[in-house]
Amino acid sequence: MRKRLGVLALSGLAVLSVTGLAGAAEPGARDVSASAKGHDGPVIVGHRGAPGYRPEHTLASYELAYRQGVDWVDVDLVPTKDGQLVARHENEIGGTTDVAKHPEFANRKTTKVIDGTSFTGWFTEDFTLAELKTLRATERIPQLRPNNKIYDGRYQIATYQEVLDLTRRLGRELRRELGTYPEIKHSTYFASIKNPTEPKLVELIKRNGLNHPKAPVIIQSFEVSNLIELSRQVRVPLLQLTSASGAPADFIAKGDPRTYADLVTPAGLKEISKYADYLGPEKAQVIPVVNGALGQPTKLVADAHQAGLKVGPYTFRNENNFLPQNLRSSANPAEYGNAFAEQEAFLKAGVDGYFADHPDTALEAVKAFQGR
């Protein structure tokens, strides 16, 4: 069993710090207890960059997040037909690009079942990188973020390599180390079509000199088997994502009866700590919403800390649509509500950081909380 403890990574005030747990690692364990990036404190991860202000997963979104003060961004990864990794929340790109306006790709529209759900649209694995580069990104939720529509058509789909290059360049300019949280999307599905993400990600990490404990990379996934395998292949920290409902796709595919609820029990968290350093739960697993308001915190944060895991829930957003009813400012779902009150509640619950669509707001929440 690996004995590793981490602090989720960032803010304009704080970066990632990972220190060893008490006690020695078991023989053969992959020790990354030296993984370190700076200081203590709750850390804000720019979720898909800064999508509250720019179309998500574009270089513009990542750059804005870094310039707003975060030191880490979340990068969802899916493969292309020719084996490149690109930054998209889903491999279906009809809702985040202008592909529907390209008549040359009309015959690529199809229906696929991914992790048990049927999707109709255009999929990255059916396009070469060169073909994807002819598309332009669009705002995913224009009804909630109409101001972002002004940027529709301006930005290409980015590769993970381009995100890494941007991160290094801005790190030099801003004079601080910046990093990424690459997330492996739909691992079981892509393995089933013989286009797995993991070997490509490992190769990129090694090619860029990032396969060491102090590298500014934290790999995340909603599946379990792939993280266990990656813990034997790379030396960077790992983050296990969980959901308030359902089960990991790899468990379902293998007939494993365990659910995400089982993963966040004390016994489940102990198992996660054998291969991962961080837990990324859905917000409701930390503080549920009861009758339209935040309820009492669960034991998850305390249990995770007891297991040696740091906790960074997802996802915090400013718009009323994503806030508990009692924190909404009006009936307009696109207007900002009292996001500060929500984030303060989670900080009081002891989270070590969190993922946010509006990094500047989240950094301000941390600053105010630390100043009390």
Protein backbone atom coordinates (compact mmCIF):
# COMPACT_ATOMS: atom_id res chain seq x y z
CA MET A 1 0.00 0.00 0.00
CA ARG A 2 1.30 3.43 -0.87
CA LYS A 3 1.37 5.95 1.94
CA ARG A 4 0.86 9.34 0.32
CA LEU A 5 -0.91 12.47 1.36
CA GLY A 6 -1.66 15.40 -0.83
CA VAL A 7 -3.06 18.86 -0.71
CA LEU A 8 -5.12 19.58 -3.80
CA ALA A 9 -3.22 22.02 -5.78
CA LEU A 10 -3.60 25.79 -6.14
CA SER A 11 -4.81 29.31 -5.88
CA GLY A 12 -3.20 32.65 -6.40
CA LEU A 13 -2.30 32.28 -2.72
CA ALA A 14 -1.38 28.62 -2.57
CA VAL A 15 -0.09 25.87 -4.74
CA LEU A 16 0.07 22.10 -4.34
CA SER A 17 1.75 20.54 -1.35
CA VAL A 18 2.05 16.80 -0.92
CA THR A 19 3.62 15.38 2.22
CA GLY A 20 4.12 11.85 3.45
CA LEU A 21 1.73 10.18 5.87
CA ALA A 22 3.03 8.87 9.13
CA GLY A 23 4.54 5.45 8.69
CA ALA A 24 6.63 3.88 5.97
CA ALA A 25 5.25 2.67 2.69
CA GLU A 26 4.93 -1.05 2.27
CA PRO A 27 7.67 -2.77 0.25
CA GLY A 28 7.23 -2.17 -3.47
CA ALA A 29 4.86 0.75 -2.99
CA ARG A 30 5.20 3.63 -5.43
CA ASP A 31 6.22 6.46 -3.12
CA VAL A 32 5.37 9.92 -4.40
CA SER A 33 5.23 11.47 -0.96
CA ALA A 34 7.78 14.01 -2.16
CA SER A 35 5.32 15.38 -4.71
CA ALA A 36 5.31 19.03 -3.83
CA LYS A 37 4.30 22.33 -5.30
CA GLY A 38 4.49 24.99 -2.72
CA HIS A 39 2.31 25.81 0.19
CA ASP A 40 -0.60 24.82 2.38
CA GLY A 41 -4.13 26.03 1.85
CA PRO A 42 -7.34 25.26 -0.04
CA VAL A 43 -6.62 24.96 -3.73
CA ILE A 44 -8.75 26.04 -6.68
CA VAL A 45 -8.61 24.06 -9.91
CA GLY A 46 -9.83 25.85 -13.02
CA HIS A 47 -12.51 23.41 -14.17
CA ARG A 48 -12.05 23.10 -17.96
CA GLY A 49 -10.11 26.35 -17.65
CA ALA A 50 -12.35 29.34 -16.96
CA PRO A 51 -15.54 28.31 -18.80
CA GLY A 52 -17.61 30.90 -17.00
CA TYR A 53 -15.91 33.39 -19.33
CA ARG A 54 -14.66 31.50 -22.41
CA PRO A 55 -15.80 28.35 -24.23
CA GLU A 56 -14.55 25.40 -22.19
CA HIS A 57 -11.38 23.44 -22.91
CA THR A 58 -9.98 26.05 -25.28
CA LEU A 59 -6.50 27.48 -24.91
CA ALA A 60 -8.18 30.83 -24.26
CA SER A 61 -10.12 29.32 -21.37
CA TYR A 62 -7.00 27.78 -19.83
CA GLU A 63 -4.96 30.94 -20.26
CA LEU A 64 -7.61 33.06 -18.60
CA ALA A 65 -7.79 30.65 -15.65
CA TYR A 66 -4.05 30.88 -15.12
CA ARG A 67 -4.08 34.66 -15.45
CA GLN A 68 -6.90 34.89 -12.92
CA GLY A 69 -4.55 33.26 -10.44
CA VAL A 70 -5.00 29.50 -10.36
CA ASP A 71 -1.98 27.27 -10.80
CA TRP A 72 -3.85 24.22 -12.07
CA VAL A 73 -6.46 23.53 -14.71
CA ASP A 74 -8.65 20.50 -15.37
CA VAL A 75 -8.17 19.00 -18.85
CA ASP A 76 -10.61 16.32 -20.03
CA LEU A 77 -9.01 14.08 -22.64
CA VAL A 78 -10.46 12.04 -25.50
CA PRO A 79 -8.61 10.44 -28.45
CA THR A 80 -8.81 11.18 -32.16
CA LYS A 81 -8.95 8.61 -34.94
CA ASP A 82 -5.21 8.94 -35.43
CA GLY A 83 -4.33 8.56 -31.77
CA GLN A 84 -3.94 12.15 -30.60
CA LEU A 85 -5.38 13.36 -27.28
CA VAL A 86 -7.60 16.44 -27.45
CA ALA A 87 -9.25 18.51 -24.75
CA ARG A 88 -13.02 17.93 -24.82
CA HIS A 89 -15.43 17.15 -22.00
CA GLU A 90 -17.03 14.47 -24.16
CA ASN A 91 -16.02 12.68 -27.34
CA GLU A 92 -19.38 13.82 -28.79
CA ILE A 93 -18.62 17.29 -30.11
CA GLY A 94 -21.90 18.41 -31.64
CA GLY A 95 -22.64 20.62 -28.64
CA THR A 96 -19.20 22.22 -28.26
CA THR A 97 -18.06 22.85 -31.84
CA ASP A 98 -19.45 24.07 -35.16
CA VAL A 99 -19.17 20.58 -36.72
CA ALA A 100 -22.88 20.63 -37.70
CA LYS A 101 -22.12 23.56 -40.02
CA HIS A 102 -19.52 21.58 -41.95
CA PRO A 103 -21.28 19.78 -44.84
CA GLU A 104 -18.16 17.72 -45.50
CA PHE A 105 -18.71 15.98 -42.16
CA ALA A 106 -22.48 15.49 -42.40
CA ASN A 107 -22.06 11.77 -43.00
CA ARG A 108 -20.01 11.40 -39.81
CA LYS A 109 -23.09 11.97 -37.66
CA THR A 110 -24.01 8.73 -35.98
CA THR A 111 -25.43 7.14 -32.82
CA LYS A 112 -23.26 5.33 -30.30
CA VAL A 113 -23.77 3.74 -26.90
CA ILE A 114 -21.12 4.96 -24.48
CA ASP A 115 -21.07 3.67 -20.91
CA GLY A 116 -24.63 2.47 -21.33
CA THR A 117 -26.04 5.73 -22.68
CA SER A 118 -27.01 6.39 -26.31
CA PHE A 119 -25.62 9.54 -27.94
CA THR A 120 -26.25 10.91 -31.42
CA GLY A 121 -23.76 13.31 -32.93
CA TRP A 122 -20.17 13.56 -34.06
CA PHE A 123 -17.38 11.83 -32.16
CA THR A 124 -13.69 12.67 -31.89
CA GLU A 125 -12.62 9.08 -32.53
CA ASP A 126 -14.10 9.34 -36.04
CA PHE A 127 -11.95 12.35 -36.98
CA THR A 128 -8.23 12.82 -37.52
CA LEU A 129 -6.59 15.65 -35.65
CA ALA A 130 -6.20 17.57 -38.91
CA GLU A 131 -9.94 17.31 -39.49
CA LEU A 132 -10.76 18.41 -35.96
CA LYS A 133 -8.50 21.42 -36.40
CA THR A 134 -10.83 22.70 -39.13
CA LEU A 135 -13.61 23.03 -36.52
CA ARG A 136 -14.08 25.84 -34.05
CA ALA A 137 -15.27 25.72 -30.45
CA THR A 138 -18.67 27.03 -29.36
CA GLU A 139 -20.23 27.71 -25.97
CA ARG A 140 -21.74 24.53 -24.51
CA ILE A 141 -24.48 26.20 -22.43
CA PRO A 142 -25.32 29.47 -24.23
CA GLN A 143 -28.66 29.77 -22.44
CA LEU A 144 -26.75 30.17 -19.15
CA ARG A 145 -23.66 31.90 -20.50
CA PRO A 146 -24.86 34.10 -23.37
CA ASN A 147 -21.87 36.42 -23.09
CA ASN A 148 -19.59 33.57 -24.08
CA LYS A 149 -21.29 33.29 -27.47
CA ILE A 150 -19.25 36.25 -28.66
CA TYR A 151 -16.26 33.87 -28.72
CA ASP A 152 -17.98 31.17 -30.79
CA GLY A 153 -15.90 30.32 -33.82
CA ARG A 154 -12.66 31.87 -32.59
CA TYR A 155 -10.80 28.92 -31.07
CA GLN A 156 -9.61 25.56 -32.31
CA ILE A 157 -9.86 22.26 -30.46
CA ALA A 158 -6.67 21.99 -28.41
CA THR A 159 -4.44 18.97 -28.00
CA TYR A 160 -3.10 18.05 -24.59
CA GLN A 161 0.38 18.80 -25.90
CA GLU A 162 -0.75 22.32 -26.78
CA VAL A 163 -2.14 22.75 -23.27
CA LEU A 164 1.18 21.60 -21.79
CA ASP A 165 3.06 24.01 -24.06
CA LEU A 166 0.77 26.88 -22.99
CA THR A 167 1.21 25.93 -19.34
CA ARG A 168 4.99 26.05 -19.58
CA ARG A 169 5.01 29.32 -21.51
CA LEU A 170 2.68 31.08 -19.09
CA GLY A 171 4.56 29.63 -16.13
CA ARG A 172 7.70 31.37 -17.35
CA GLU A 173 5.82 34.60 -17.99
CA LEU A 174 3.94 34.58 -14.67
CA ARG A 175 6.97 33.28 -12.77
CA ARG A 176 5.22 30.42 -11.03
CA GLU A 177 4.88 26.73 -11.73
CA LEU A 178 1.62 25.82 -13.42
CA GLY A 179 0.13 22.39 -13.87
CA THR A 180 -2.70 20.27 -15.24
CA TYR A 181 -5.21 17.72 -14.03
CA PRO A 182 -5.68 15.48 -17.10
CA GLU A 183 -8.90 13.46 -16.83
CA ILE A 184 -9.28 10.19 -18.72
CA LYS A 185 -12.80 10.10 -20.15
CA HIS A 186 -14.70 6.88 -20.89
CA SER A 187 -11.72 4.59 -20.39
CA THR A 188 -13.65 1.32 -20.79
CA TYR A 189 -15.39 2.53 -23.95
CA PHE A 190 -12.21 3.64 -25.68
CA ALA A 191 -10.44 0.42 -24.73
CA SER A 192 -13.37 -1.51 -26.24
CA ILE A 193 -12.86 0.16 -29.63
CA LYS A 194 -9.08 -0.41 -29.50
CA ASN A 195 -8.30 3.28 -29.06
CA PRO A 196 -7.31 3.49 -25.37
CA THR A 197 -6.38 6.81 -23.82
CA GLU A 198 -3.98 5.64 -21.12
CA PRO A 199 -0.96 4.60 -23.27
CA LYS A 200 -1.15 7.89 -25.13
CA LEU A 201 -1.27 9.87 -21.88
CA VAL A 202 1.64 7.94 -20.37
CA GLU A 203 3.68 8.57 -23.51
CA LEU A 204 2.94 12.31 -23.40
CA ILE A 205 3.84 12.52 -19.73
CA LYS A 206 7.16 10.78 -20.35
CA ARG A 207 7.91 12.70 -23.54
CA ASN A 208 7.44 15.99 -21.70
CA GLY A 209 9.68 14.99 -18.79
CA LEU A 210 6.77 14.85 -16.35
CA ASN A 211 7.05 11.30 -15.06
CA HIS A 212 8.41 12.13 -11.63
CA PRO A 213 6.92 12.82 -8.18
CA LYS A 214 7.33 16.60 -8.33
CA ALA A 215 5.84 16.98 -11.80
CA PRO A 216 2.89 19.40 -12.05
CA VAL A 217 0.47 16.69 -13.21
CA ILE A 218 -2.35 14.88 -11.41
CA ILE A 219 -4.22 12.21 -13.39
CA GLN A 220 -7.92 11.74 -12.65
CA SER A 221 -10.66 9.31 -13.68
CA PHE A 222 -14.18 8.23 -12.76
CA GLU A 223 -13.10 4.65 -13.38
CA VAL A 224 -10.97 2.57 -11.04
CA SER A 225 -9.15 -0.17 -12.94
CA ASN A 226 -7.27 2.29 -15.12
CA LEU A 227 -6.03 4.29 -12.14
CA ILE A 228 -4.81 1.14 -10.42
CA GLU A 229 -2.90 0.19 -13.56
CA LEU A 230 -1.54 3.71 -13.98
CA SER A 231 -0.26 3.68 -10.40
CA ARG A 232 2.19 1.02 -11.60
CA GLN A 233 3.18 2.92 -14.75
CA VAL A 234 3.68 6.54 -13.72
CA ARG A 235 5.03 8.33 -10.68
CA VAL A 236 2.65 11.31 -10.68
CA PRO A 237 -0.24 11.58 -8.19
CA LEU A 238 -3.67 10.16 -9.04
CA LEU A 239 -7.17 11.38 -8.23
CA GLN A 240 -10.23 9.14 -7.94
CA LEU A 241 -13.40 10.89 -9.07
CA THR A 242 -16.76 9.75 -7.69
CA SER A 243 -20.40 10.56 -8.31
CA ALA A 244 -23.41 10.91 -6.02
CA SER A 245 -25.15 8.18 -8.02
CA GLY A 246 -24.32 5.19 -10.18
CA ALA A 247 -21.16 3.14 -10.45
CA PRO A 248 -17.84 3.24 -12.32
CA ALA A 249 -18.20 2.12 -15.93
CA ASP A 250 -15.45 -0.47 -15.53
CA PHE A 251 -17.28 -2.02 -12.55
CA ILE A 252 -20.48 -2.27 -14.58
CA ALA A 253 -18.65 -3.81 -17.55
CA LYS A 254 -17.05 -6.44 -15.33
CA GLY A 255 -20.18 -7.23 -13.33
CA ASP A 256 -18.67 -5.77 -10.16
CA PRO A 257 -21.66 -4.86 -7.92
CA ARG A 258 -19.91 -1.99 -6.15
CA THR A 259 -21.16 1.56 -6.65
CA TYR A 260 -19.71 4.99 -6.04
CA ALA A 261 -21.48 4.93 -2.69
CA ASP A 262 -19.38 1.88 -1.80
CA LEU A 263 -16.19 3.66 -2.82
CA VAL A 264 -16.74 6.49 -0.32
CA THR A 265 -17.30 4.27 2.72
CA PRO A 266 -14.34 4.08 5.13
CA ALA A 267 -13.43 0.66 3.69
CA GLY A 268 -13.73 1.94 0.12
CA LEU A 269 -11.60 5.00 0.86
CA LYS A 270 -8.93 2.79 2.36
CA GLU A 271 -8.82 0.84 -0.90
CA ILE A 272 -8.60 4.06 -2.93
CA SER A 273 -5.65 5.21 -0.82
CA LYS A 274 -3.66 2.19 -2.03
CA TYR A 275 -3.42 3.65 -5.54
CA ALA A 276 -4.54 7.30 -5.38
CA ASP A 277 -3.71 10.44 -3.45
CA TYR A 278 -6.84 12.50 -3.91
CA LEU A 279 -10.60 12.07 -3.91
CA GLY A 280 -12.75 14.19 -6.23
CA PRO A 281 -16.36 13.70 -5.07
CA GLU A 282 -19.50 15.27 -6.43
CA LYS A 283 -20.52 18.18 -4.20
CA ALA A 284 -23.61 16.41 -2.87
CA GLN A 285 -21.42 13.69 -1.40
CA VAL A 286 -19.83 16.31 0.86
CA ILE A 287 -22.85 18.51 1.61
CA PRO A 288 -26.23 17.34 0.30
CA VAL A 289 -28.97 19.76 -0.70
CA VAL A 290 -32.05 19.26 1.48
CA ASN A 291 -35.33 21.05 0.71
CA GLY A 292 -33.56 23.54 -1.54
CA ALA A 293 -30.78 24.43 0.90
CA LEU A 294 -27.39 23.05 1.86
CA GLY A 295 -27.78 20.43 4.56
CA GLN A 296 -25.27 19.22 7.11
CA PRO A 297 -21.87 17.97 5.91
CA THR A 298 -21.45 14.22 5.66
CA LYS A 299 -18.52 12.35 7.19
CA LEU A 300 -16.82 12.01 3.82
CA VAL A 301 -14.13 14.64 4.32
CA ALA A 302 -13.17 13.29 7.74
CA ASP A 303 -13.23 9.69 6.52
CA ALA A 304 -11.12 10.55 3.47
CA HIS A 305 -8.58 12.40 5.58
CA GLN A 306 -8.43 9.42 7.92
CA ALA A 307 -7.58 7.26 4.89
CA GLY A 308 -4.84 9.67 3.82
CA LEU A 309 -6.74 11.25 0.95
CA LYS A 310 -7.19 14.93 0.24
CA VAL A 311 -10.63 16.02 -0.95
CA GLY A 312 -11.49 18.35 -3.84
CA PRO A 313 -15.19 18.29 -4.81
CA TYR A 314 -16.68 19.43 -8.11
CA THR A 315 -18.08 21.66 -9.57
CA PHE A 316 -18.66 25.19 -8.26
CA ARG A 317 -20.37 27.68 -10.56
CA ASN A 318 -21.77 31.17 -10.05
CA GLU A 319 -25.05 30.90 -11.96
CA ASN A 320 -28.37 30.45 -10.13
CA ASN A 321 -29.02 27.31 -12.13
CA PHE A 322 -26.24 25.51 -10.26
CA LEU A 323 -26.88 26.86 -6.77
CA PRO A 324 -29.24 25.66 -4.02
CA GLN A 325 -32.56 27.46 -4.21
CA ASN A 326 -31.99 29.51 -1.08
CA LEU A 327 -28.76 30.94 -2.55
CA ARG A 328 -30.26 32.04 -5.86
CA SER A 329 -30.60 35.75 -6.53
CA SER A 330 -33.64 35.56 -8.82
CA ALA A 331 -35.66 33.26 -11.05
CA ASN A 332 -33.23 33.93 -13.91
CA PRO A 333 -31.05 30.80 -14.11
CA ALA A 334 -28.20 32.68 -15.83
CA GLU A 335 -27.83 35.38 -13.17
CA TYR A 336 -25.20 35.02 -10.49
CA GLY A 337 -26.37 33.91 -7.08
CA ASN A 338 -24.62 33.78 -3.72
CA ALA A 339 -21.77 31.55 -4.83
CA PHE A 340 -19.62 32.82 -1.98
CA ALA A 341 -21.98 31.39 0.63
CA GLU A 342 -21.93 27.97 -1.02
CA GLN A 343 -18.17 27.87 -1.27
CA GLU A 344 -17.70 29.08 2.30
CA ALA A 345 -19.84 26.19 3.52
CA PHE A 346 -17.57 23.68 1.79
CA LEU A 347 -14.45 25.39 3.07
CA LYS A 348 -15.86 25.17 6.59
CA ALA A 349 -16.52 21.48 5.97
CA GLY A 350 -12.78 21.03 5.58
CA VAL A 351 -12.30 20.41 1.86
CA ASP A 352 -8.73 20.79 0.63
CA GLY A 353 -9.74 22.59 -2.53
CA TYR A 354 -12.31 22.38 -5.31
CA PHE A 355 -12.99 22.65 -9.02
CA ALA A 356 -14.57 25.91 -10.19
CA ASP A 357 -15.88 27.30 -13.49
CA HIS A 358 -15.21 30.86 -12.29
CA PRO A 359 -11.67 30.74 -10.87
CA ASP A 360 -11.61 34.38 -9.84
CA THR A 361 -14.72 33.99 -7.69
CA ALA A 362 -13.35 30.84 -6.08
CA LEU A 363 -10.00 32.45 -5.33
CA GLU A 364 -11.81 35.36 -3.71
CA ALA A 365 -13.84 32.92 -1.59
CA VAL A 366 -10.64 31.25 -0.38
CA LYS A 367 -9.02 34.60 0.33
CA ALA A 368 -11.99 35.75 2.38
CA PHE A 369 -12.15 32.45 4.25
CA GLN A 370 -8.47 32.52 5.11
CA GLY A 371 -8.72 36.13 6.23
CA ARG A 372 -11.29 35.42 8.92
